Amino acid sequence: MVDEYERIIAASLAAEDIPTEPDEDKFAELLLLVAEELAGDRFGGIAKVNKVLFFAEFAHVRQTGRPITGVRYQKLPHGPAPRPLRPIRDRLVASGAAEMTTETVLGREQHRLRPLRPADRSRFSDTELTAVKDAVAVLYGRTAREATDLSGEEPGWRIVDEGEDIPYATAYLAPGDQRTSPRIQARAREIADDYARQGRPAR
């Protein structure tokens, strides 16, 4: 459970979050693209796909001020995950664009999305493709546990409660504990104070 100060920061960031228009068709292509990039990774199951998607979208926010697809990411016990993952994954499988397989890696069951057609890379800008490649490079070869631990260091995941959306604006917070950065801490207090002055409840 986050403490009250962090709760106010999270609510303030959510209230002032980056405006987005979720593009689920583009997200479907992004999901295929990430699955393609992880095809040779023995630990490239759907759990890691979630982390790559999150890192790519939030890295693109830091670089350009906007996410790749704008879909919402939520905090789950084992890291962030896109809310529309399952229905869009199921849609890709139903259309014949991909299949779900199950394999055993180091004695553990792993579910993997395997593309049956190439992702439409024309849907993505150069900066978006670079963000995906960078996120894949960071996580490639890591186990699901290592990927989960790395995503757990992200401020956005740390300052919201389980099941809540992670504001895209948290991409601008310092990695690790955001309180270690005086500048970030001061800005967070400004946002929280402004939020409180306007009389908006934290939840």
Protein backbone atom coordinates (compact mmCIF):
# COMPACT_ATOMS: atom_id res chain seq x y z
CA MET A 1 0.00 0.00 0.00
CA VAL A 2 1.40 3.42 -0.91
CA ASP A 3 1.61 6.06 1.80
CA GLU A 4 -0.61 9.15 1.71
CA TYR A 5 2.06 11.44 0.25
CA GLU A 6 2.69 9.07 -2.63
CA ARG A 7 -1.08 8.64 -3.09
CA ILE A 8 -1.51 12.40 -3.54
CA ILE A 9 1.39 12.53 -6.00
CA ALA A 10 -0.08 9.66 -8.01
CA ALA A 11 -3.53 11.26 -8.09
CA SER A 12 -2.03 14.63 -9.06
CA LEU A 13 -0.05 13.10 -11.89
CA ALA A 14 -3.12 11.22 -13.07
CA ALA A 15 -5.17 14.42 -13.04
CA GLU A 16 -2.52 16.19 -15.13
CA ASP A 17 -1.59 13.14 -17.18
CA ILE A 18 -0.51 13.32 -20.79
CA PRO A 19 -3.60 13.39 -23.03
CA THR A 20 -3.84 10.23 -25.12
CA GLU A 21 -6.19 8.68 -27.63
CA PRO A 22 -5.66 4.92 -27.33
CA ASP A 23 -5.11 3.29 -30.70
CA GLU A 24 -5.89 -0.40 -30.22
CA ASP A 25 -5.20 -1.32 -33.85
CA LYS A 26 -1.73 0.15 -33.55
CA PHE A 27 -1.32 -1.63 -30.22
CA ALA A 28 -2.11 -4.94 -31.96
CA GLU A 29 0.74 -4.26 -34.39
CA LEU A 30 3.01 -3.25 -31.50
CA LEU A 31 2.20 -6.50 -29.73
CA LEU A 32 3.15 -8.46 -32.86
CA LEU A 33 6.30 -6.39 -33.29
CA VAL A 34 7.51 -7.04 -29.74
CA ALA A 35 6.72 -10.75 -30.08
CA GLU A 36 8.79 -10.80 -33.29
CA GLU A 37 11.72 -9.09 -31.59
CA LEU A 38 11.62 -11.61 -28.73
CA ALA A 39 11.26 -14.66 -31.00
CA GLY A 40 14.84 -15.80 -30.36
CA ASP A 41 14.78 -15.10 -26.62
CA ARG A 42 14.25 -18.33 -24.67
CA PHE A 43 12.62 -16.23 -21.91
CA GLY A 44 10.47 -14.23 -24.36
CA GLY A 45 7.08 -15.25 -23.00
CA ILE A 46 4.03 -13.04 -22.65
CA ALA A 47 5.15 -11.88 -19.18
CA LYS A 48 8.26 -10.31 -20.69
CA VAL A 49 6.27 -8.93 -23.62
CA ASN A 50 4.26 -6.90 -21.08
CA LYS A 51 7.44 -5.34 -19.69
CA VAL A 52 8.88 -4.51 -23.12
CA LEU A 53 5.62 -2.82 -24.12
CA PHE A 54 5.64 -0.75 -20.93
CA PHE A 55 9.29 0.28 -21.21
CA ALA A 56 8.92 1.19 -24.90
CA GLU A 57 5.79 3.33 -24.41
CA PHE A 58 7.15 5.19 -21.39
CA ALA A 59 10.61 5.68 -22.93
CA HIS A 60 8.92 7.23 -25.97
CA VAL A 61 7.05 9.61 -23.65
CA ARG A 62 10.36 10.72 -22.14
CA GLN A 63 11.86 11.29 -25.58
CA THR A 64 8.95 12.85 -27.47
CA GLY A 65 6.23 13.69 -24.95
CA ARG A 66 3.81 11.09 -26.27
CA PRO A 67 3.34 7.30 -25.98
CA ILE A 68 3.40 4.94 -28.94
CA THR A 69 -0.20 3.71 -28.74
CA GLY A 70 -1.73 5.52 -25.75
CA VAL A 71 -3.31 2.41 -24.23
CA ARG A 72 -3.43 2.37 -20.44
CA TYR A 73 -1.04 0.30 -18.34
CA GLN A 74 -2.03 -1.02 -14.93
CA LYS A 75 -0.06 -2.15 -11.90
CA LEU A 76 -0.19 -5.90 -11.38
CA PRO A 77 1.67 -7.93 -8.72
CA HIS A 78 4.36 -8.98 -11.19
CA GLY A 79 4.82 -5.66 -12.96
CA PRO A 80 2.96 -3.36 -15.33
CA ALA A 81 0.68 -4.71 -18.06
CA PRO A 82 -1.43 -3.10 -20.79
CA ARG A 83 -5.14 -3.24 -20.00
CA PRO A 84 -6.24 -4.35 -23.49
CA LEU A 85 -3.61 -7.09 -23.78
CA ARG A 86 -5.88 -10.12 -23.51
CA PRO A 87 -8.71 -9.04 -25.84
CA ILE A 88 -6.26 -7.81 -28.48
CA ARG A 89 -4.09 -10.90 -28.13
CA ASP A 90 -7.20 -13.05 -28.52
CA ARG A 91 -8.21 -11.02 -31.57
CA LEU A 92 -4.82 -11.60 -33.18
CA VAL A 93 -5.11 -15.33 -32.53
CA ALA A 94 -8.69 -15.50 -33.84
CA SER A 95 -7.71 -13.67 -37.04
CA GLY A 96 -4.78 -16.01 -37.68
CA ALA A 97 -2.17 -13.28 -37.16
CA ALA A 98 -0.62 -15.10 -34.19
CA GLU A 99 -0.86 -18.17 -32.00
CA MET A 100 -0.36 -18.85 -28.30
CA THR A 101 1.99 -21.68 -27.39
CA THR A 102 3.08 -23.19 -24.11
CA GLU A 103 6.60 -24.41 -23.47
CA THR A 104 8.74 -25.41 -20.50
CA VAL A 105 11.79 -23.31 -19.71
CA LEU A 106 13.97 -24.22 -16.73
CA GLY A 107 11.16 -26.41 -15.46
CA ARG A 108 8.59 -23.60 -15.57
CA GLU A 109 5.64 -23.22 -17.92
CA GLN A 110 5.90 -20.24 -20.25
CA HIS A 111 3.15 -18.87 -22.49
CA ARG A 112 4.40 -17.31 -25.69
CA LEU A 113 2.76 -15.27 -28.44
CA ARG A 114 4.11 -16.40 -31.81
CA PRO A 115 3.36 -14.13 -34.80
CA LEU A 116 2.09 -15.87 -37.93
CA ARG A 117 2.51 -12.72 -40.01
CA PRO A 118 4.92 -9.78 -39.81
CA ALA A 119 3.89 -6.71 -37.86
CA ASP A 120 2.98 -3.69 -39.98
CA ARG A 121 6.07 -1.59 -39.28
CA SER A 122 4.74 1.23 -41.45
CA ARG A 123 2.46 2.12 -38.52
CA PHE A 124 5.47 3.27 -36.48
CA SER A 125 7.78 6.26 -36.66
CA ASP A 126 11.56 5.92 -36.47
CA THR A 127 11.54 7.08 -32.84
CA GLU A 128 8.86 4.50 -31.96
CA LEU A 129 10.80 1.67 -33.58
CA THR A 130 13.94 2.77 -31.75
CA ALA A 131 12.09 2.81 -28.42
CA VAL A 132 10.95 -0.77 -29.03
CA LYS A 133 14.43 -1.95 -30.01
CA ASP A 134 15.95 -0.27 -26.95
CA ALA A 135 13.38 -1.85 -24.61
CA VAL A 136 13.99 -5.27 -26.16
CA ALA A 137 17.75 -4.83 -25.82
CA VAL A 138 17.42 -4.02 -22.10
CA LEU A 139 15.34 -7.12 -21.35
CA TYR A 140 16.59 -9.63 -23.93
CA GLY A 141 17.92 -12.80 -22.28
CA ARG A 142 16.68 -11.83 -18.81
CA THR A 143 14.34 -14.17 -16.99
CA ALA A 144 10.75 -13.15 -16.27
CA ARG A 145 11.76 -12.58 -12.64
CA GLU A 146 14.61 -10.27 -13.65
CA ALA A 147 12.31 -8.34 -15.97
CA THR A 148 9.72 -8.04 -13.19
CA ASP A 149 12.33 -6.77 -10.73
CA LEU A 150 13.51 -4.16 -13.23
CA SER A 151 9.99 -2.91 -13.93
CA GLY A 152 9.37 -2.71 -10.19
CA GLU A 153 12.01 0.01 -9.95
CA GLU A 154 9.94 2.32 -12.15
CA PRO A 155 8.39 5.21 -10.16
CA GLY A 156 5.07 4.84 -11.98
CA TRP A 157 4.70 1.28 -10.76
CA ARG A 158 5.82 2.19 -7.23
CA ILE A 159 3.44 5.08 -6.54
CA VAL A 160 0.12 3.53 -7.54
CA ASP A 161 -1.85 0.73 -5.93
CA GLU A 162 -2.42 -2.67 -7.49
CA GLY A 163 -5.00 -2.56 -10.28
CA GLU A 164 -4.67 1.18 -10.86
CA ASP A 165 -3.53 2.87 -14.06
CA ILE A 166 0.06 4.08 -14.23
CA PRO A 167 0.01 7.71 -15.42
CA TYR A 168 2.16 8.34 -18.48
CA ALA A 169 3.38 11.51 -16.75
CA THR A 170 5.35 9.31 -14.32
CA ALA A 171 7.76 8.66 -17.19
CA TYR A 172 9.38 11.95 -16.20
CA LEU A 173 10.08 10.86 -12.62
CA ALA A 174 13.61 9.74 -11.78
CA PRO A 175 14.26 5.97 -11.83
CA GLY A 176 14.42 4.15 -8.52
CA ASP A 177 13.11 6.15 -5.57
CA GLN A 178 11.87 9.48 -6.90
CA ARG A 179 12.44 11.07 -3.50
CA THR A 180 16.20 10.88 -4.05
CA SER A 181 15.95 13.70 -6.58
CA PRO A 182 15.34 17.11 -4.95
CA ARG A 183 14.13 18.57 -8.26
CA ILE A 184 11.61 15.79 -8.80
CA GLN A 185 10.53 15.90 -5.18
CA ALA A 186 9.97 19.67 -5.39
CA ARG A 187 7.96 19.34 -8.60
CA ALA A 188 5.86 16.53 -7.13
CA ARG A 189 5.10 18.70 -4.10
CA GLU A 190 4.09 21.59 -6.37
CA ILE A 191 1.67 19.35 -8.25
CA ALA A 192 0.30 17.85 -5.05
CA ASP A 193 -0.12 21.28 -3.41
CA ASP A 194 -1.86 22.68 -6.49
CA TYR A 195 -4.11 19.64 -6.61
CA ALA A 196 -5.02 20.10 -2.91
CA ARG A 197 -5.69 23.86 -3.33
CA GLN A 198 -8.19 23.16 -6.06
CA GLY A 199 -10.11 20.98 -3.66
CA ARG A 200 -9.99 17.86 -5.78
CA PRO A 201 -10.04 14.65 -3.73
CA ALA A 202 -7.01 12.37 -3.97
CA ARG A 203 -9.29 9.55 -5.12
